[in-house]
Amino acid sequence: MHYIKAKSILSAKNGMNLYRGCLHGCIYCDSRSTCYNMQHKFEDVEIKLNAIELLEKALKNKRKKCMIGMGSMTDPYIPLENEIQNTRKALELIYKYGFGATLITKSSLVLKDLDILKEINKKTKCVIQITLTTFNEKLCKIIEPNVSTTKERFEVLKILNQNNIPTVVWLTPILPFINDTDENLIGILNYCAQAKVYGIICFGIGLTLRDGNREYFYKNLDKYFPNLKEKYIKTYGNNYMLGSKNTKYLMNIFYKTCKQHNIICDNNEIFKYLNTFENKEANGIQQLELF
C-alpha cells in the first residue's frame, strides 16, 4: 500500500473511493482497465491520506442533503479497512451531518459497521449493495479468490434484512462458457429471494473486457480453464461487450423469478431509489403533527 494526498474526495454525483486498487483478485475486474489511468500497480492499494478531512469539509459545505456513495471502483471493505478504518470514519461523518449512504461490496467485513449503518438508516436511508456472480462455492473461489464466498455474502444479506437495512444485488458479470447456466442463475436468485433483497441490477448475461482487464482475464483463463481463452477470442474477437449465447433464456428466468418474489429488476428504478435521499426524522415529525 502507499499514501497520497488527494485534492478532492466527492465526485459530481456524490460518490467516492477511499481506496484505489484492490487485492480481491476477481479475474474479471473492470477497474484494472487502462482507461482509468491508474499510475501504480493494481495490488499496491492507494490510500488517500486526507480523505476523511476532505469529506468532512465537503459535507459541511453541501447546501442540500443527498445520498453519498462508496465503492464504484474499489471495494470499501478491502482487508486494509480493518487497519485504516477510512470507511468506518466516513460512515460516522455521513451520520453526523445527516446524509444518506449506499455502498457496494463483496465482503462480510461490512457487518463490522452494522451499528453505524443502522443509525444512518434510522435517520435517513442506508442501502447496501452486494455483488453476486457465482452460486457454486468452488467456482466462486476461482473467479473471486480473495473475497467472501457467495454463501457468506448471502448470510450478510440476510443479517442486513433482519436489521431493516435495504439491500440491492448486482448480478454481474456472468461469464460466458463458465457460469452462464440456469443452475447458477437460479441458485443466486433463490438466495436473493430468501434474503428479501429490494432489487437486482442486471445488464444482461455476459461481461465487458477492455485493455488492461482483458489481459488479466485471459491470463486467469489459461491458469484455471485451459483452452477457453481461444474459444473467447474465436467467439468475441476484441469486442468490449461479450454477451452469452444463453442470454434470452436466462433473462426470461431472471424476470420471471423477480416478478414472482416482488424483487425490483428495472435498473432505472433501482438507481433512482439509490440516489433518492430520505429524511425519516422529518417525515416522522410531519406525521406526528398530523395527529
C-alpha atoms as a PDB file:
ATOM      1  CA  MET A   1       0.000   0.000   0.000  1.00  0.00           C
ATOM      2  CA  HIS A   2       1.011   3.623  -0.365  1.00  0.00           C
ATOM      3  CA  TYR A   3      -0.389   7.023   0.619  1.00  0.00           C
ATOM      4  CA  ILE A   4      -1.199  10.112  -1.401  1.00  0.00           C
ATOM      5  CA  LYS A   5      -2.664  13.499  -0.539  1.00  0.00           C
ATOM      6  CA  ALA A   6      -5.875  13.915  -2.532  1.00  0.00           C
ATOM      7  CA  LYS A   7      -7.193  17.202  -3.926  1.00  0.00           C
ATOM      8  CA  SER A   8     -10.855  16.217  -3.604  1.00  0.00           C
ATOM      9  CA  ILE A   9     -12.946  13.281  -2.447  1.00  0.00           C
ATOM     10  CA  LEU A  10     -16.548  13.514  -3.712  1.00  0.00           C
ATOM     11  CA  SER A  11     -17.420  13.207  -7.402  1.00  0.00           C
ATOM     12  CA  ALA A  12     -20.040  15.373  -9.112  1.00  0.00           C
ATOM     13  CA  LYS A  13     -22.536  12.570  -8.395  1.00  0.00           C
ATOM     14  CA  ASN A  14     -21.573  12.393  -4.707  1.00  0.00           C
ATOM     15  CA  GLY A  15     -19.622   9.170  -4.959  1.00  0.00           C
ATOM     16  CA  MET A  16     -16.177   8.421  -3.589  1.00  0.00           C
ATOM     17  CA  ASN A  17     -13.485   5.763  -3.482  1.00  0.00           C
ATOM     18  CA  LEU A  18     -11.480   5.876  -0.276  1.00  0.00           C
ATOM     19  CA  TYR A  19      -9.041   3.329  -1.668  1.00  0.00           C
ATOM     20  CA  ARG A  20      -7.703   2.836  -5.202  1.00  0.00           C
ATOM     21  CA  GLY A  21      -6.539  -0.607  -6.232  1.00  0.00           C
ATOM     22  CA  CYS A  22      -7.551  -3.949  -4.751  1.00  0.00           C
ATOM     23  CA  LEU A  23      -6.392  -7.339  -3.504  1.00  0.00           C
ATOM     24  CA  HIS A  24      -9.643  -9.229  -4.120  1.00  0.00           C
ATOM     25  CA  GLY A  25      -8.202 -10.810  -7.276  1.00  0.00           C
ATOM     26  CA  CYS A  26     -11.514 -11.109  -9.173  1.00  0.00           C
ATOM     27  CA  ILE A  27     -10.493 -12.372 -12.605  1.00  0.00           C
ATOM     28  CA  TYR A  28     -12.942 -10.118 -14.492  1.00  0.00           C
ATOM     29  CA  CYS A  29     -12.291  -6.816 -12.673  1.00  0.00           C
ATOM     30  CA  ASP A  30     -13.066  -3.810 -14.890  1.00  0.00           C
ATOM     31  CA  SER A  31     -11.212  -1.455 -12.537  1.00  0.00           C
ATOM     32  CA  ARG A  32      -7.954  -2.851 -13.945  1.00  0.00           C
ATOM     33  CA  SER A  33      -8.759  -1.237 -17.303  1.00  0.00           C
ATOM     34  CA  THR A  34      -6.098   1.170 -18.562  1.00  0.00           C
ATOM     35  CA  CYS A  35      -8.782   3.789 -19.336  1.00  0.00           C
ATOM     36  CA  TYR A  36      -8.866   4.644 -15.610  1.00  0.00           C
ATOM     37  CA  ASN A  37      -5.243   5.828 -15.766  1.00  0.00           C
ATOM     38  CA  MET A  38      -4.069   4.158 -12.586  1.00  0.00           C
ATOM     39  CA  GLN A  39      -0.418   5.099 -12.202  1.00  0.00           C
ATOM     40  CA  HIS A  40       0.535   2.301  -9.818  1.00  0.00           C
ATOM     41  CA  LYS A  41       0.311  -1.479  -9.655  1.00  0.00           C
ATOM     42  CA  PHE A  42      -3.290  -2.521  -9.062  1.00  0.00           C
ATOM     43  CA  GLU A  43      -2.404  -4.586  -5.982  1.00  0.00           C
ATOM     44  CA  ASP A  44      -0.448  -1.677  -4.472  1.00  0.00           C
ATOM     45  CA  VAL A  45      -3.506  -0.092  -2.886  1.00  0.00           C
ATOM     46  CA  GLU A  46      -3.533   3.698  -2.833  1.00  0.00           C
ATOM     47  CA  ILE A  47      -4.844   5.297   0.363  1.00  0.00           C
ATOM     48  CA  LYS A  48      -5.946   8.907   0.398  1.00  0.00           C
ATOM     49  CA  LEU A  49      -4.210  10.323   3.441  1.00  0.00           C
ATOM     50  CA  ASN A  50      -6.583  13.273   3.832  1.00  0.00           C
ATOM     51  CA  ALA A  51      -9.793  11.566   2.655  1.00  0.00           C
ATOM     52  CA  ILE A  52     -11.724  11.985   5.900  1.00  0.00           C
ATOM     53  CA  GLU A  53     -10.680  15.623   6.293  1.00  0.00           C
ATOM     54  CA  LEU A  54     -11.811  16.344   2.710  1.00  0.00           C
ATOM     55  CA  LEU A  55     -15.095  14.504   3.230  1.00  0.00           C
ATOM     56  CA  GLU A  56     -15.969  16.456   6.369  1.00  0.00           C
ATOM     57  CA  LYS A  57     -15.283  19.725   4.579  1.00  0.00           C
ATOM     58  CA  ALA A  58     -17.412  18.650   1.598  1.00  0.00           C
ATOM     59  CA  LEU A  59     -20.351  17.556   3.761  1.00  0.00           C
ATOM     60  CA  LYS A  60     -20.235  20.746   5.828  1.00  0.00           C
ATOM     61  CA  ASN A  61     -20.411  22.848   2.674  1.00  0.00           C
ATOM     62  CA  LYS A  62     -23.246  20.985   0.950  1.00  0.00           C
ATOM     63  CA  ARG A  63     -26.427  23.026   0.807  1.00  0.00           C
ATOM     64  CA  LYS A  64     -28.688  20.046   0.211  1.00  0.00           C
ATOM     65  CA  LYS A  65     -28.660  16.628   1.834  1.00  0.00           C
ATOM     66  CA  CYS A  66     -28.191  13.672  -0.523  1.00  0.00           C
ATOM     67  CA  MET A  67     -27.065  10.059  -0.750  1.00  0.00           C
ATOM     68  CA  ILE A  68     -23.297   9.526  -0.511  1.00  0.00           C
ATOM     69  CA  GLY A  69     -21.993   6.516  -2.443  1.00  0.00           C
ATOM     70  CA  MET A  70     -18.900   4.371  -1.953  1.00  0.00           C
ATOM     71  CA  GLY A  71     -17.256   1.558  -3.850  1.00  0.00           C
ATOM     72  CA  SER A  72     -17.928   2.109  -7.550  1.00  0.00           C
ATOM     73  CA  MET A  73     -14.260   1.441  -8.385  1.00  0.00           C
ATOM     74  CA  THR A  74     -12.746  -0.095  -5.246  1.00  0.00           C
ATOM     75  CA  ASP A  75     -14.494  -2.141  -2.568  1.00  0.00           C
ATOM     76  CA  PRO A  76     -14.667  -0.066   0.644  1.00  0.00           C
ATOM     77  CA  TYR A  77     -14.135  -3.267   2.627  1.00  0.00           C
ATOM     78  CA  ILE A  78     -10.808  -4.498   1.313  1.00  0.00           C
ATOM     79  CA  PRO A  79      -8.820  -6.157   4.160  1.00  0.00           C
ATOM     80  CA  LEU A  80      -6.837  -2.934   4.745  1.00  0.00           C
ATOM     81  CA  GLU A  81     -10.050  -1.373   6.085  1.00  0.00           C
ATOM     82  CA  ASN A  82      -9.500  -3.347   9.310  1.00  0.00           C
ATOM     83  CA  GLU A  83      -6.352  -1.306   9.861  1.00  0.00           C
ATOM     84  CA  ILE A  84      -7.091   2.051   8.195  1.00  0.00           C
ATOM     85  CA  GLN A  85     -10.816   2.364   9.136  1.00  0.00           C
ATOM     86  CA  ASN A  86     -11.498   5.017   6.484  1.00  0.00           C
ATOM     87  CA  THR A  87     -14.866   3.509   5.546  1.00  0.00           C
ATOM     88  CA  ARG A  88     -15.924   3.464   9.185  1.00  0.00           C
ATOM     89  CA  LYS A  89     -14.804   7.069   9.682  1.00  0.00           C
ATOM     90  CA  ALA A  90     -16.620   8.148   6.509  1.00  0.00           C
ATOM     91  CA  LEU A  91     -19.858   6.492   7.645  1.00  0.00           C
ATOM     92  CA  GLU A  92     -19.598   8.244  11.001  1.00  0.00           C
ATOM     93  CA  LEU A  93     -19.308  11.603   9.218  1.00  0.00           C
ATOM     94  CA  ILE A  94     -22.220  10.770   6.934  1.00  0.00           C
ATOM     95  CA  TYR A  95     -24.298  10.050  10.036  1.00  0.00           C
ATOM     96  CA  LYS A  96     -23.065  13.135  11.893  1.00  0.00           C
ATOM     97  CA  TYR A  97     -24.068  15.503   9.095  1.00  0.00           C
ATOM     98  CA  GLY A  98     -27.365  13.799   8.286  1.00  0.00           C
ATOM     99  CA  PHE A  99     -26.654  12.355   4.835  1.00  0.00           C
ATOM    100  CA  GLY A 100     -27.794   9.033   3.397  1.00  0.00           C
ATOM    101  CA  ALA A 101     -25.345   6.292   2.431  1.00  0.00           C
ATOM    102  CA  THR A 102     -25.007   3.497  -0.069  1.00  0.00           C
ATOM    103  CA  LEU A 103     -22.018   1.311  -0.828  1.00  0.00           C
ATOM    104  CA  ILE A 104     -21.040  -1.662  -2.983  1.00  0.00           C
ATOM    105  CA  THR A 105     -19.070  -4.559  -1.507  1.00  0.00           C
ATOM    106  CA  LYS A 106     -18.277  -8.256  -1.796  1.00  0.00           C
ATOM    107  CA  SER A 107     -17.072  -8.574   1.779  1.00  0.00           C
ATOM    108  CA  SER A 108     -18.665  -9.706   5.020  1.00  0.00           C
ATOM    109  CA  LEU A 109     -16.497  -7.047   6.703  1.00  0.00           C
ATOM    110  CA  VAL A 110     -19.431  -4.699   6.134  1.00  0.00           C
ATOM    111  CA  LEU A 111     -21.045  -6.265   9.187  1.00  0.00           C
ATOM    112  CA  LYS A 112     -18.403  -4.799  11.485  1.00  0.00           C
ATOM    113  CA  ASP A 113     -20.088  -1.439  10.817  1.00  0.00           C
ATOM    114  CA  LEU A 114     -23.629  -2.719  11.282  1.00  0.00           C
ATOM    115  CA  ASP A 115     -24.137  -0.389  14.240  1.00  0.00           C
ATOM    116  CA  ILE A 116     -23.459   2.818  12.297  1.00  0.00           C
ATOM    117  CA  LEU A 117     -25.314   1.528   9.222  1.00  0.00           C
ATOM    118  CA  LYS A 118     -28.408   1.035  11.397  1.00  0.00           C
ATOM    119  CA  GLU A 119     -28.074   4.527  12.834  1.00  0.00           C
ATOM    120  CA  ILE A 120     -27.828   6.107   9.384  1.00  0.00           C
ATOM    121  CA  ASN A 121     -30.829   4.101   8.242  1.00  0.00           C
ATOM    122  CA  LYS A 122     -32.930   5.277  11.182  1.00  0.00           C
ATOM    123  CA  LYS A 123     -32.181   8.894  10.372  1.00  0.00           C
ATOM    124  CA  THR A 124     -32.195   8.814   6.561  1.00  0.00           C
ATOM    125  CA  LYS A 125     -31.521   5.867   4.285  1.00  0.00           C
ATOM    126  CA  CYS A 126     -28.702   3.343   4.093  1.00  0.00           C
ATOM    127  CA  VAL A 127     -28.640   0.818   1.246  1.00  0.00           C
ATOM    128  CA  ILE A 128     -26.008  -1.913   0.976  1.00  0.00           C
ATOM    129  CA  GLN A 129     -25.249  -3.253  -2.486  1.00  0.00           C
ATOM    130  CA  ILE A 130     -23.598  -6.656  -2.814  1.00  0.00           C
ATOM    131  CA  THR A 131     -22.300  -8.343  -5.957  1.00  0.00           C
ATOM    132  CA  LEU A 132     -23.230 -11.991  -6.555  1.00  0.00           C
ATOM    133  CA  THR A 133     -21.987 -13.794  -9.655  1.00  0.00           C
ATOM    134  CA  THR A 134     -21.362 -17.448  -8.872  1.00  0.00           C
ATOM    135  CA  PHE A 135     -23.572 -19.829  -6.896  1.00  0.00           C
ATOM    136  CA  ASN A 136     -21.044 -22.691  -6.859  1.00  0.00           C
ATOM    137  CA  GLU A 137     -18.684 -22.106  -3.938  1.00  0.00           C
ATOM    138  CA  LYS A 138     -15.705 -23.879  -5.501  1.00  0.00           C
ATOM    139  CA  LEU A 139     -16.040 -21.876  -8.710  1.00  0.00           C
ATOM    140  CA  CYS A 140     -16.517 -18.696  -6.714  1.00  0.00           C
ATOM    141  CA  LYS A 141     -13.095 -19.150  -5.080  1.00  0.00           C
ATOM    142  CA  ILE A 142     -11.529 -19.359  -8.548  1.00  0.00           C
ATOM    143  CA  ILE A 143     -13.329 -16.381 -10.063  1.00  0.00           C
ATOM    144  CA  GLU A 144     -13.303 -14.190  -6.919  1.00  0.00           C
ATOM    145  CA  PRO A 145     -10.467 -15.732  -4.883  1.00  0.00           C
ATOM    146  CA  ASN A 146      -9.880 -13.288  -2.020  1.00  0.00           C
ATOM    147  CA  VAL A 147     -13.372 -12.182  -1.006  1.00  0.00           C
ATOM    148  CA  SER A 148     -16.235 -13.624   0.986  1.00  0.00           C
ATOM    149  CA  THR A 149     -17.821 -16.543  -0.840  1.00  0.00           C
ATOM    150  CA  THR A 150     -21.295 -16.235  -2.323  1.00  0.00           C
ATOM    151  CA  LYS A 151     -22.788 -18.172   0.579  1.00  0.00           C
ATOM    152  CA  GLU A 152     -21.079 -15.828   3.054  1.00  0.00           C
ATOM    153  CA  ARG A 153     -22.434 -12.814   1.171  1.00  0.00           C
ATOM    154  CA  PHE A 154     -25.880 -14.403   1.247  1.00  0.00           C
ATOM    155  CA  GLU A 155     -25.616 -14.600   5.043  1.00  0.00           C
ATOM    156  CA  VAL A 156     -24.677 -10.905   5.089  1.00  0.00           C
ATOM    157  CA  LEU A 157     -27.770 -10.068   3.036  1.00  0.00           C
ATOM    158  CA  LYS A 158     -29.962 -11.956   5.493  1.00  0.00           C
ATOM    159  CA  ILE A 159     -28.453 -10.203   8.510  1.00  0.00           C
ATOM    160  CA  LEU A 160     -28.911  -6.807   6.887  1.00  0.00           C
ATOM    161  CA  ASN A 161     -32.551  -7.634   6.159  1.00  0.00           C
ATOM    162  CA  GLN A 162     -33.086  -8.732   9.754  1.00  0.00           C
ATOM    163  CA  ASN A 163     -31.826  -5.289  10.771  1.00  0.00           C
ATOM    164  CA  ASN A 164     -34.169  -3.489   8.346  1.00  0.00           C
ATOM    165  CA  ILE A 165     -31.356  -2.303   6.095  1.00  0.00           C
ATOM    166  CA  PRO A 166     -32.410  -2.478   2.434  1.00  0.00           C
ATOM    167  CA  THR A 167     -30.154  -4.359   0.022  1.00  0.00           C
ATOM    168  CA  VAL A 168     -29.532  -4.421  -3.707  1.00  0.00           C
ATOM    169  CA  VAL A 169     -27.680  -7.191  -5.539  1.00  0.00           C
ATOM    170  CA  TRP A 170     -25.500  -6.675  -8.602  1.00  0.00           C
ATOM    171  CA  LEU A 171     -25.873  -9.762 -10.790  1.00  0.00           C
ATOM    172  CA  THR A 172     -22.848  -9.037 -12.915  1.00  0.00           C
ATOM    173  CA  PRO A 173     -20.767 -10.226 -14.595  1.00  0.00           C
ATOM    174  CA  ILE A 174     -21.913 -13.681 -15.646  1.00  0.00           C
ATOM    175  CA  LEU A 175     -19.092 -15.292 -17.623  1.00  0.00           C
ATOM    176  CA  PRO A 176     -19.870 -16.999 -20.954  1.00  0.00           C
ATOM    177  CA  PHE A 177     -18.935 -20.696 -21.076  1.00  0.00           C
ATOM    178  CA  ILE A 178     -18.220 -20.655 -17.313  1.00  0.00           C
ATOM    179  CA  ASN A 179     -21.293 -19.805 -15.229  1.00  0.00           C
ATOM    180  CA  ASP A 180     -23.944 -18.686 -17.755  1.00  0.00           C
ATOM    181  CA  THR A 181     -26.213 -21.577 -16.768  1.00  0.00           C
ATOM    182  CA  ASP A 182     -29.718 -21.844 -15.373  1.00  0.00           C
ATOM    183  CA  GLU A 183     -28.331 -23.706 -12.346  1.00  0.00           C
ATOM    184  CA  ASN A 184     -26.071 -20.762 -11.472  1.00  0.00           C
ATOM    185  CA  LEU A 185     -28.725 -18.121 -12.084  1.00  0.00           C
ATOM    186  CA  ILE A 186     -31.489 -19.911 -10.183  1.00  0.00           C
ATOM    187  CA  GLY A 187     -29.166 -20.528  -7.228  1.00  0.00           C
ATOM    188  CA  ILE A 188     -28.315 -16.828  -6.951  1.00  0.00           C
ATOM    189  CA  LEU A 189     -31.921 -15.729  -7.424  1.00  0.00           C
ATOM    190  CA  ASN A 190     -33.071 -18.104  -4.697  1.00  0.00           C
ATOM    191  CA  TYR A 191     -30.530 -16.519  -2.362  1.00  0.00           C
ATOM    192  CA  CYS A 192     -31.890 -13.074  -3.272  1.00  0.00           C
ATOM    193  CA  ALA A 193     -35.462 -14.162  -2.626  1.00  0.00           C
ATOM    194  CA  GLN A 194     -34.607 -15.725   0.750  1.00  0.00           C
ATOM    195  CA  ALA A 195     -32.696 -12.591   1.794  1.00  0.00           C
ATOM    196  CA  LYS A 196     -35.614 -10.381   0.655  1.00  0.00           C
ATOM    197  CA  VAL A 197     -33.452  -8.010  -1.360  1.00  0.00           C
ATOM    198  CA  TYR A 198     -35.051  -4.795  -2.590  1.00  0.00           C
ATOM    199  CA  GLY A 199     -33.758  -5.119  -6.133  1.00  0.00           C
ATOM    200  CA  ILE A 200     -31.320  -6.808  -8.512  1.00  0.00           C
ATOM    201  CA  ILE A 201     -29.247  -4.841 -11.019  1.00  0.00           C
ATOM    202  CA  CYS A 202     -28.563  -6.836 -14.162  1.00  0.00           C
ATOM    203  CA  PHE A 203     -27.276  -5.579 -17.508  1.00  0.00           C
ATOM    204  CA  GLY A 204     -27.768  -8.878 -19.312  1.00  0.00           C
ATOM    205  CA  ILE A 205     -25.786 -12.106 -19.262  1.00  0.00           C
ATOM    206  CA  GLY A 206     -22.120 -11.642 -20.121  1.00  0.00           C
ATOM    207  CA  LEU A 207     -19.195  -9.379 -19.289  1.00  0.00           C
ATOM    208  CA  THR A 208     -17.177  -6.479 -20.629  1.00  0.00           C
ATOM    209  CA  LEU A 209     -13.478  -6.539 -21.469  1.00  0.00           C
ATOM    210  CA  ARG A 210     -11.181  -3.676 -22.360  1.00  0.00           C
ATOM    211  CA  ASP A 211      -7.453  -3.095 -22.389  1.00  0.00           C
ATOM    212  CA  GLY A 212      -5.987  -3.918 -19.009  1.00  0.00           C
ATOM    213  CA  ASN A 213      -8.676  -6.175 -17.630  1.00  0.00           C
ATOM    214  CA  ARG A 214      -8.777  -8.291 -20.812  1.00  0.00           C
ATOM    215  CA  GLU A 215      -5.158  -9.379 -20.368  1.00  0.00           C
ATOM    216  CA  TYR A 216      -5.690 -10.238 -16.702  1.00  0.00           C
ATOM    217  CA  PHE A 217      -8.866 -12.171 -17.507  1.00  0.00           C
ATOM    218  CA  TYR A 218      -7.189 -14.208 -20.248  1.00  0.00           C
ATOM    219  CA  LYS A 219      -4.190 -14.907 -18.025  1.00  0.00           C
ATOM    220  CA  ASN A 220      -6.547 -16.465 -15.479  1.00  0.00           C
ATOM    221  CA  LEU A 221      -8.444 -18.409 -18.136  1.00  0.00           C
ATOM    222  CA  ASP A 222      -5.137 -20.000 -19.141  1.00  0.00           C
ATOM    223  CA  LYS A 223      -4.471 -20.833 -15.492  1.00  0.00           C
ATOM    224  CA  TYR A 224      -7.867 -22.240 -14.487  1.00  0.00           C
ATOM    225  CA  PHE A 225      -9.754 -23.029 -17.712  1.00  0.00           C
ATOM    226  CA  PRO A 226      -7.314 -24.484 -20.271  1.00  0.00           C
ATOM    227  CA  ASN A 227      -8.136 -23.704 -23.939  1.00  0.00           C
ATOM    228  CA  LEU A 228     -11.061 -21.455 -23.017  1.00  0.00           C
ATOM    229  CA  LYS A 229      -9.168 -18.274 -23.948  1.00  0.00           C
ATOM    230  CA  GLU A 230      -9.004 -19.457 -27.552  1.00  0.00           C
ATOM    231  CA  LYS A 231     -12.772 -20.019 -27.539  1.00  0.00           C
ATOM    232  CA  TYR A 232     -13.326 -16.490 -26.241  1.00  0.00           C
ATOM    233  CA  ILE A 233     -11.074 -14.985 -28.905  1.00  0.00           C
ATOM    234  CA  LYS A 234     -12.731 -17.004 -31.660  1.00  0.00           C
ATOM    235  CA  THR A 235     -16.241 -16.084 -30.458  1.00  0.00           C
ATOM    236  CA  TYR A 236     -15.783 -12.443 -29.496  1.00  0.00           C
ATOM    237  CA  GLY A 237     -12.561 -11.196 -31.034  1.00  0.00           C
ATOM    238  CA  ASN A 238     -11.605  -7.906 -29.390  1.00  0.00           C
ATOM    239  CA  ASN A 239     -15.188  -6.868 -28.520  1.00  0.00           C
ATOM    240  CA  TYR A 240     -15.990  -4.784 -25.475  1.00  0.00           C
ATOM    241  CA  MET A 241     -19.349  -6.484 -24.846  1.00  0.00           C
ATOM    242  CA  LEU A 242     -19.208 -10.282 -24.564  1.00  0.00           C
ATOM    243  CA  GLY A 243     -22.796 -11.469 -24.438  1.00  0.00           C
ATOM    244  CA  SER A 244     -23.723 -15.060 -23.606  1.00  0.00           C
ATOM    245  CA  LYS A 245     -25.495 -17.163 -26.218  1.00  0.00           C
ATOM    246  CA  ASN A 246     -27.856 -18.105 -23.359  1.00  0.00           C
ATOM    247  CA  THR A 247     -28.901 -14.510 -22.678  1.00  0.00           C
ATOM    248  CA  LYS A 248     -32.521 -14.691 -23.847  1.00  0.00           C
ATOM    249  CA  TYR A 249     -33.241 -17.929 -21.999  1.00  0.00           C
ATOM    250  CA  LEU A 250     -31.578 -16.805 -18.778  1.00  0.00           C
ATOM    251  CA  MET A 251     -33.085 -13.300 -18.798  1.00  0.00           C
ATOM    252  CA  ASN A 252     -36.541 -14.852 -19.084  1.00  0.00           C
ATOM    253  CA  ILE A 253     -35.798 -16.816 -15.915  1.00  0.00           C
ATOM    254  CA  PHE A 254     -34.472 -13.649 -14.282  1.00  0.00           C
ATOM    255  CA  TYR A 255     -37.558 -11.519 -14.979  1.00  0.00           C
ATOM    256  CA  LYS A 256     -39.993 -14.304 -14.114  1.00  0.00           C
ATOM    257  CA  THR A 257     -38.291 -15.048 -10.779  1.00  0.00           C
ATOM    258  CA  CYS A 258     -38.022 -11.375  -9.791  1.00  0.00           C
ATOM    259  CA  LYS A 259     -41.721 -10.861 -10.506  1.00  0.00           C
ATOM    260  CA  GLN A 260     -42.602 -13.967  -8.516  1.00  0.00           C
ATOM    261  CA  HIS A 261     -40.755 -12.685  -5.434  1.00  0.00           C
ATOM    262  CA  ASN A 262     -41.576  -8.955  -5.812  1.00  0.00           C
ATOM    263  CA  ILE A 263     -37.936  -8.038  -6.417  1.00  0.00           C
ATOM    264  CA  ILE A 264     -37.388  -4.825  -8.400  1.00  0.00           C
ATOM    265  CA  CYS A 265     -35.453  -5.590 -11.592  1.00  0.00           C
ATOM    266  CA  ASP A 266     -35.769  -2.346 -13.512  1.00  0.00           C
ATOM    267  CA  ASN A 267     -32.258  -0.845 -13.386  1.00  0.00           C
ATOM    268  CA  ASN A 268     -33.507   2.732 -13.775  1.00  0.00           C
ATOM    269  CA  GLU A 269     -35.956   2.313 -10.918  1.00  0.00           C
ATOM    270  CA  ILE A 270     -33.236   0.877  -8.680  1.00  0.00           C
ATOM    271  CA  PHE A 271     -30.748   3.650  -9.484  1.00  0.00           C
ATOM    272  CA  LYS A 272     -33.436   6.237  -8.765  1.00  0.00           C
ATOM    273  CA  TYR A 273     -34.039   4.574  -5.403  1.00  0.00           C
ATOM    274  CA  LEU A 274     -30.309   4.511  -4.617  1.00  0.00           C
ATOM    275  CA  ASN A 275     -29.978   8.211  -5.415  1.00  0.00           C
ATOM    276  CA  THR A 276     -33.106   9.415  -3.592  1.00  0.00           C
ATOM    277  CA  PHE A 277     -32.415  10.955  -0.190  1.00  0.00           C
ATOM    278  CA  GLU A 278     -34.990  10.365   2.553  1.00  0.00           C
ATOM    279  CA  ASN A 279     -35.311  12.351   5.771  1.00  0.00           C
ATOM    280  CA  LYS A 280     -37.060   9.896   8.062  1.00  0.00           C
ATOM    281  CA  GLU A 281     -36.835  12.145  11.100  1.00  0.00           C
ATOM    282  CA  ALA A 282     -38.571  14.996   9.272  1.00  0.00           C
ATOM    283  CA  ASN A 283     -41.200  12.594   7.938  1.00  0.00           C
ATOM    284  CA  GLY A 284     -41.788  11.338  11.472  1.00  0.00           C
ATOM    285  CA  ILE A 285     -42.269  14.883  12.769  1.00  0.00           C
ATOM    286  CA  GLN A 286     -44.714  15.657   9.969  1.00  0.00           C
ATOM    287  CA  GLN A 287     -46.689  12.518  10.776  1.00  0.00           C
ATOM    288  CA  LEU A 288     -46.827  13.446  14.473  1.00  0.00           C
ATOM    289  CA  GLU A 289     -48.038  16.939  13.593  1.00  0.00           C
ATOM    290  CA  LEU A 290     -50.932  15.425  11.620  1.00  0.00           C
ATOM    291  CA  PHE A 291     -52.183  13.781  14.786  1.00  0.00           C
END
